[in-house]
C-alpha cells in the first residue's frame, strides 16, 4: 500500500466479526503480536482494539446478529458519511446500516456494492482509523473479489474517485495513483455460494512462518505462500472461526 495514513477515499480500518472473541484474540495475538484491550466505550458490546506498540491496528468484535457470517470487514474513510451514502445509492449500491454515530469516535455506515460486496464507510471525529500501515502485523493492502469487475470498477471510481490500472491480470485501486488495493475476478474456481467480498491483507515478516503458524493454531491455509510476479510473496489464510484474510511480506512492493 502506498498510503501510510488514513486519507479520504482510502482504506482506514479493518474489523473482525467473530463467533468466539477470546479465541480470535489468542489466534491473532500469536500470529501478529497484537495486544488486545476492551474498547472503553460503555456500549461497545465486548469489542476489543488490537494494538502494536500502542498504535491501534484493527478491531475484533462478537457477531451482533444471528446468522451473520464470521468475516473481516474493511472500512474506507470519507469526509461526510451522509454525503457518501447518497453517492453510494446513486451509483447503484445499497446501505445496510447507518449512518450512525459511534460515540465521539466518528460516524459509520455499512454498505453493499452492486456486485454484492459489503464494505464500510468511516467519517472520523476523534478516531481517524489505524495508526500504522504496512508494518508487520498491520493492514497493508485490500482486495475486492467479484464476479462483475466492470460493474465494480464503475461503482468505486464513481463513489470514491479512485484510479484503476488497466490490467486484465490484476487491476489496482489507487488515490491519485497511490495504489492501495486490487481486484480479482471470481471464476469457476470459486464456489457459487461464496459472495463478492473485500479481503484485507496484513503485512508479516515471513509469509511461510505465518502460514505455518495459522495451521498450528487451528486455522487453514487457503492459498499457500506464493510469489506474485513483480510483487510480494503472499498467502490467503482462514482463522479457526472461519474468517479469511491475506498476508504478504512486509517491505515488498506490489
Protein backbone atom coordinates (compact mmCIF):
# COMPACT_ATOMS: atom_id res chain seq x y z
CA UNK A 1 0.00 0.00 0.00
CA UNK A 2 1.39 3.37 -1.00
CA UNK A 3 -0.76 5.09 1.63
CA UNK A 4 0.72 5.41 5.10
CA UNK A 5 -2.17 7.02 6.96
CA UNK A 6 -5.95 7.26 6.60
CA UNK A 7 -6.94 9.62 3.79
CA UNK A 8 -10.40 10.35 2.34
CA UNK A 9 -11.35 7.55 -0.02
CA UNK A 10 -8.66 5.18 1.22
CA UNK A 11 -8.87 2.14 3.49
CA UNK A 12 -8.62 3.22 7.11
CA UNK A 13 -9.59 0.25 9.27
CA UNK A 14 -10.31 -3.47 9.41
CA UNK A 15 -12.67 -5.09 11.88
CA UNK A 16 -13.34 -8.76 12.53
CA UNK A 17 -16.79 -10.04 13.41
CA UNK A 18 -16.27 -13.38 15.11
CA UNK A 19 -18.19 -16.18 16.84
CA UNK A 20 -15.53 -16.60 19.57
CA UNK A 21 -13.90 -13.36 20.59
CA UNK A 22 -11.46 -14.79 23.15
CA UNK A 23 -10.24 -17.48 20.73
CA UNK A 24 -9.81 -14.91 17.97
CA UNK A 25 -7.80 -12.65 20.27
CA UNK A 26 -5.46 -15.53 21.12
CA UNK A 27 -5.06 -16.53 17.48
CA UNK A 28 -4.20 -13.07 16.15
CA UNK A 29 -2.03 -12.21 19.14
CA UNK A 30 0.04 -15.27 18.36
CA UNK A 31 0.11 -14.63 14.62
CA UNK A 32 0.66 -10.85 14.51
CA UNK A 33 1.82 -9.96 18.01
CA UNK A 34 -1.31 -7.94 18.69
CA UNK A 35 -2.21 -6.76 22.19
CA UNK A 36 -5.98 -6.67 22.55
CA UNK A 37 -7.80 -4.49 25.04
CA UNK A 38 -11.50 -3.90 25.64
CA UNK A 39 -12.94 -0.84 23.90
CA UNK A 40 -13.52 1.85 26.53
CA UNK A 41 -16.94 2.77 25.12
CA UNK A 42 -19.69 1.84 27.55
CA UNK A 43 -21.82 0.43 24.72
CA UNK A 44 -19.04 -1.26 22.76
CA UNK A 45 -20.56 -4.69 23.35
CA UNK A 46 -17.33 -6.52 24.09
CA UNK A 47 -15.46 -5.09 21.13
CA UNK A 48 -11.69 -5.05 21.52
CA UNK A 49 -8.98 -2.95 19.89
CA UNK A 50 -5.81 -4.64 18.69
CA UNK A 51 -2.61 -2.62 19.06
CA UNK A 52 1.03 -2.80 18.01
CA UNK A 53 3.44 -0.74 20.11
CA UNK A 54 0.45 1.25 21.34
CA UNK A 55 -0.93 2.04 17.88
CA UNK A 56 -4.43 0.82 17.01
CA UNK A 57 -4.33 -1.54 14.02
CA UNK A 58 -7.68 -3.40 13.97
CA UNK A 59 -10.77 -4.30 15.96
CA UNK A 60 -12.33 -7.62 16.92
CA UNK A 61 -15.96 -7.89 17.94
CA UNK A 62 -18.57 -10.55 18.69
CA UNK A 63 -21.16 -11.05 15.96
CA UNK A 64 -24.01 -8.65 16.62
CA UNK A 65 -26.74 -10.51 14.70
CA UNK A 66 -27.68 -14.21 14.50
CA UNK A 67 -26.65 -15.75 11.19
CA UNK A 68 -24.14 -13.06 10.29
CA UNK A 69 -21.01 -14.70 8.85
CA UNK A 70 -17.66 -14.63 10.59
CA UNK A 71 -15.63 -12.23 8.44
CA UNK A 72 -13.18 -9.38 8.24
CA UNK A 73 -14.69 -6.05 7.18
CA UNK A 74 -12.84 -3.18 5.52
CA UNK A 75 -13.64 0.50 6.17
CA UNK A 76 -12.93 3.40 3.83
CA UNK A 77 -12.53 6.96 5.09
CA UNK A 78 -14.98 9.64 3.93
CA UNK A 79 -15.27 13.32 4.73
CA UNK A 80 -19.04 13.15 5.29
CA UNK A 81 -20.93 9.90 5.83
CA UNK A 82 -24.32 11.29 4.83
CA UNK A 83 -22.99 12.62 1.54
CA UNK A 84 -21.23 9.32 0.91
CA UNK A 85 -24.49 7.42 1.44
CA UNK A 86 -26.15 9.46 -1.27
CA UNK A 87 -23.22 8.76 -3.60
CA UNK A 88 -23.39 5.03 -2.87
CA UNK A 89 -27.10 4.75 -3.62
CA UNK A 90 -26.89 6.97 -6.71
CA UNK A 91 -24.17 4.69 -8.10
CA UNK A 92 -26.28 1.55 -7.60
CA UNK A 93 -25.16 0.40 -4.16
CA UNK A 94 -27.29 -0.09 -1.06
CA UNK A 95 -26.99 0.88 2.59
CA UNK A 96 -27.36 -1.95 5.10
CA UNK A 97 -26.83 0.07 8.27
CA UNK A 98 -26.38 3.71 9.25
CA UNK A 99 -25.23 6.39 9.10
CA UNK A 100 -24.79 6.07 12.85
CA UNK A 101 -22.66 7.89 15.40
CA UNK A 102 -20.13 5.73 17.23
CA UNK A 103 -19.76 7.65 20.49
CA UNK A 104 -17.45 10.60 19.77
CA UNK A 105 -15.15 8.48 17.59
CA UNK A 106 -16.88 9.01 14.27
CA UNK A 107 -19.82 8.17 12.05
CA UNK A 108 -20.22 4.75 10.45
CA UNK A 109 -22.07 3.20 7.51
CA UNK A 110 -22.33 -0.39 6.32
CA UNK A 111 -22.87 -0.51 2.56
CA UNK A 112 -23.09 -3.09 -0.21
CA UNK A 113 -21.75 -2.52 -3.72
CA UNK A 114 -23.82 -3.51 -6.80
CA UNK A 115 -21.92 -6.81 -7.09
CA UNK A 116 -22.74 -7.85 -3.51
CA UNK A 117 -19.53 -6.96 -1.62
CA UNK A 118 -20.05 -5.46 1.84
CA UNK A 119 -17.83 -2.57 2.94
CA UNK A 120 -17.93 0.21 5.50
CA UNK A 121 -17.60 3.98 5.42
CA UNK A 122 -15.98 5.90 8.26
CA UNK A 123 -16.24 9.62 8.94
CA UNK A 124 -13.62 10.43 11.54
CA UNK A 125 -14.09 12.53 14.61
CA UNK A 126 -11.78 11.64 17.48
CA UNK A 127 -10.70 8.36 15.85
CA UNK A 128 -9.09 8.52 12.37
CA UNK A 129 -8.51 4.80 11.89
CA UNK A 130 -5.42 2.62 12.00
CA UNK A 131 -2.35 4.24 13.49
CA UNK A 132 0.09 2.31 11.31
CA UNK A 133 0.03 0.67 7.89
CA UNK A 134 2.40 -1.64 6.00
CA UNK A 135 4.46 -2.67 9.05
CA UNK A 136 4.43 -6.32 10.21
CA UNK A 137 1.12 -7.02 11.91
CA UNK A 138 -0.74 -4.11 10.31
CA UNK A 139 -3.05 -3.62 7.34
CA UNK A 140 -1.16 -3.18 4.09
CA UNK A 141 -3.48 -4.00 1.18
CA UNK A 142 -7.18 -4.56 0.42
CA UNK A 143 -8.57 -6.72 -2.36
CA UNK A 144 -12.01 -6.91 -3.91
CA UNK A 145 -13.11 -10.29 -5.17
CA UNK A 146 -16.11 -10.02 -7.50
CA UNK A 147 -17.79 -11.74 -10.42
CA UNK A 148 -18.58 -8.40 -12.10
CA UNK A 149 -15.30 -6.45 -12.31
CA UNK A 150 -16.55 -3.88 -14.81
CA UNK A 151 -19.58 -3.01 -12.73
CA UNK A 152 -17.45 -2.85 -9.59
CA UNK A 153 -14.91 -0.55 -11.24
CA UNK A 154 -17.67 1.81 -12.39
CA UNK A 155 -19.15 1.91 -8.89
CA UNK A 156 -16.00 2.56 -6.86
CA UNK A 157 -14.49 5.07 -9.24
CA UNK A 158 -17.79 6.97 -9.17
CA UNK A 159 -18.24 6.89 -5.40
CA UNK A 160 -14.63 7.44 -4.29
CA UNK A 161 -12.91 8.84 -7.39
CA UNK A 162 -10.38 6.02 -7.31
CA UNK A 163 -7.90 5.49 -10.10
CA UNK A 164 -7.79 1.96 -11.50
CA UNK A 165 -4.98 0.49 -13.57
CA UNK A 166 -5.99 -1.12 -16.85
CA UNK A 167 -4.75 -4.65 -16.29
CA UNK A 168 -6.55 -7.85 -17.26
CA UNK A 169 -4.45 -9.79 -14.75
CA UNK A 170 -4.84 -7.65 -11.67
CA UNK A 171 -6.36 -4.14 -11.79
CA UNK A 172 -5.23 -2.00 -8.87
CA UNK A 173 -7.14 0.68 -6.99
CA UNK A 174 -5.47 3.97 -6.12
CA UNK A 175 -5.95 7.55 -4.99
CA UNK A 176 -4.27 9.90 -7.41
CA UNK A 177 -2.12 6.98 -8.50
CA UNK A 178 -1.12 5.85 -4.98
CA UNK A 179 -2.22 2.21 -5.09
CA UNK A 180 -3.73 0.60 -2.01
CA UNK A 181 -5.58 -2.44 -3.32
CA UNK A 182 -6.58 -4.63 -6.21
CA UNK A 183 -9.41 -6.60 -7.79
CA UNK A 184 -9.73 -10.31 -8.53
CA UNK A 185 -12.38 -11.69 -10.88
CA UNK A 186 -14.09 -14.66 -9.26
CA UNK A 187 -14.26 -17.50 -11.79
CA UNK A 188 -15.46 -21.11 -11.70
CA UNK A 189 -12.79 -21.98 -9.10
CA UNK A 190 -14.80 -20.06 -6.51
CA UNK A 191 -17.78 -21.94 -5.04
CA UNK A 192 -21.08 -20.42 -6.12
CA UNK A 193 -22.09 -19.76 -2.51
CA UNK A 194 -19.07 -17.52 -1.87
CA UNK A 195 -20.27 -13.94 -2.39
CA UNK A 196 -18.28 -10.97 -3.63
CA UNK A 197 -16.22 -9.62 -0.75
CA UNK A 198 -13.35 -7.41 0.38
CA UNK A 199 -10.26 -9.22 1.68
CA UNK A 200 -7.75 -7.41 3.91
CA UNK A 201 -4.05 -8.27 3.67
CA UNK A 202 -1.78 -7.83 6.68
CA UNK A 203 1.97 -7.38 6.43
CA UNK A 204 4.17 -10.04 8.04
CA UNK A 205 7.91 -10.54 8.36
CA UNK A 206 7.71 -14.02 6.82
CA UNK A 207 4.76 -15.43 4.87
CA UNK A 208 5.77 -19.07 5.29
CA UNK A 209 6.05 -18.67 9.04
CA UNK A 210 2.61 -17.02 9.14
CA UNK A 211 1.09 -19.87 7.14
CA UNK A 212 2.65 -22.49 9.40
CA UNK A 213 1.55 -20.57 12.48
CA UNK A 214 -2.01 -20.45 11.17
CA UNK A 215 -2.29 -24.20 10.73
CA UNK A 216 -0.53 -24.80 14.04
CA UNK A 217 -3.15 -22.67 15.79
CA UNK A 218 -6.11 -24.45 14.19
CA UNK A 219 -6.58 -22.27 11.11
CA UNK A 220 -6.39 -23.16 7.42
CA UNK A 221 -4.16 -22.20 4.50
CA UNK A 222 -6.46 -21.46 1.55
CA UNK A 223 -3.70 -20.34 -0.80
CA UNK A 224 -0.18 -21.46 0.12
CA UNK A 225 2.70 -18.99 0.14
CA UNK A 226 3.12 -17.87 -3.45
CA UNK A 227 5.39 -15.31 -5.13
CA UNK A 228 3.47 -12.77 -7.21
CA UNK A 229 5.13 -11.70 -10.49
CA UNK A 230 6.60 -8.23 -9.91
CA UNK A 231 5.02 -8.27 -6.47
CA UNK A 232 5.29 -9.71 -2.97
CA UNK A 233 5.09 -13.20 -1.56
CA UNK A 234 1.53 -13.75 -0.36
CA UNK A 235 -0.79 -16.31 1.18
CA UNK A 236 -4.52 -16.44 1.91
CA UNK A 237 -5.47 -17.88 5.28
CA UNK A 238 -8.55 -18.65 7.35
CA UNK A 239 -8.71 -18.32 11.11
CA UNK A 240 -10.16 -21.09 13.32
CA UNK A 241 -13.59 -19.42 13.38
CA UNK A 242 -13.74 -19.13 9.57
CA UNK A 243 -12.68 -15.55 8.72
CA UNK A 244 -10.49 -15.23 5.62
CA UNK A 245 -7.57 -12.80 5.33
CA UNK A 246 -4.36 -12.42 3.38
CA UNK A 247 -0.75 -11.87 4.38
CA UNK A 248 2.18 -10.52 2.40
CA UNK A 249 5.84 -9.99 3.14
CA UNK A 250 6.43 -6.54 4.59
CA UNK A 251 8.69 -4.35 2.50
CA UNK A 252 7.75 -5.95 -0.82
CA UNK A 253 6.16 -3.64 -3.35
CA UNK A 254 3.15 -4.60 -5.42
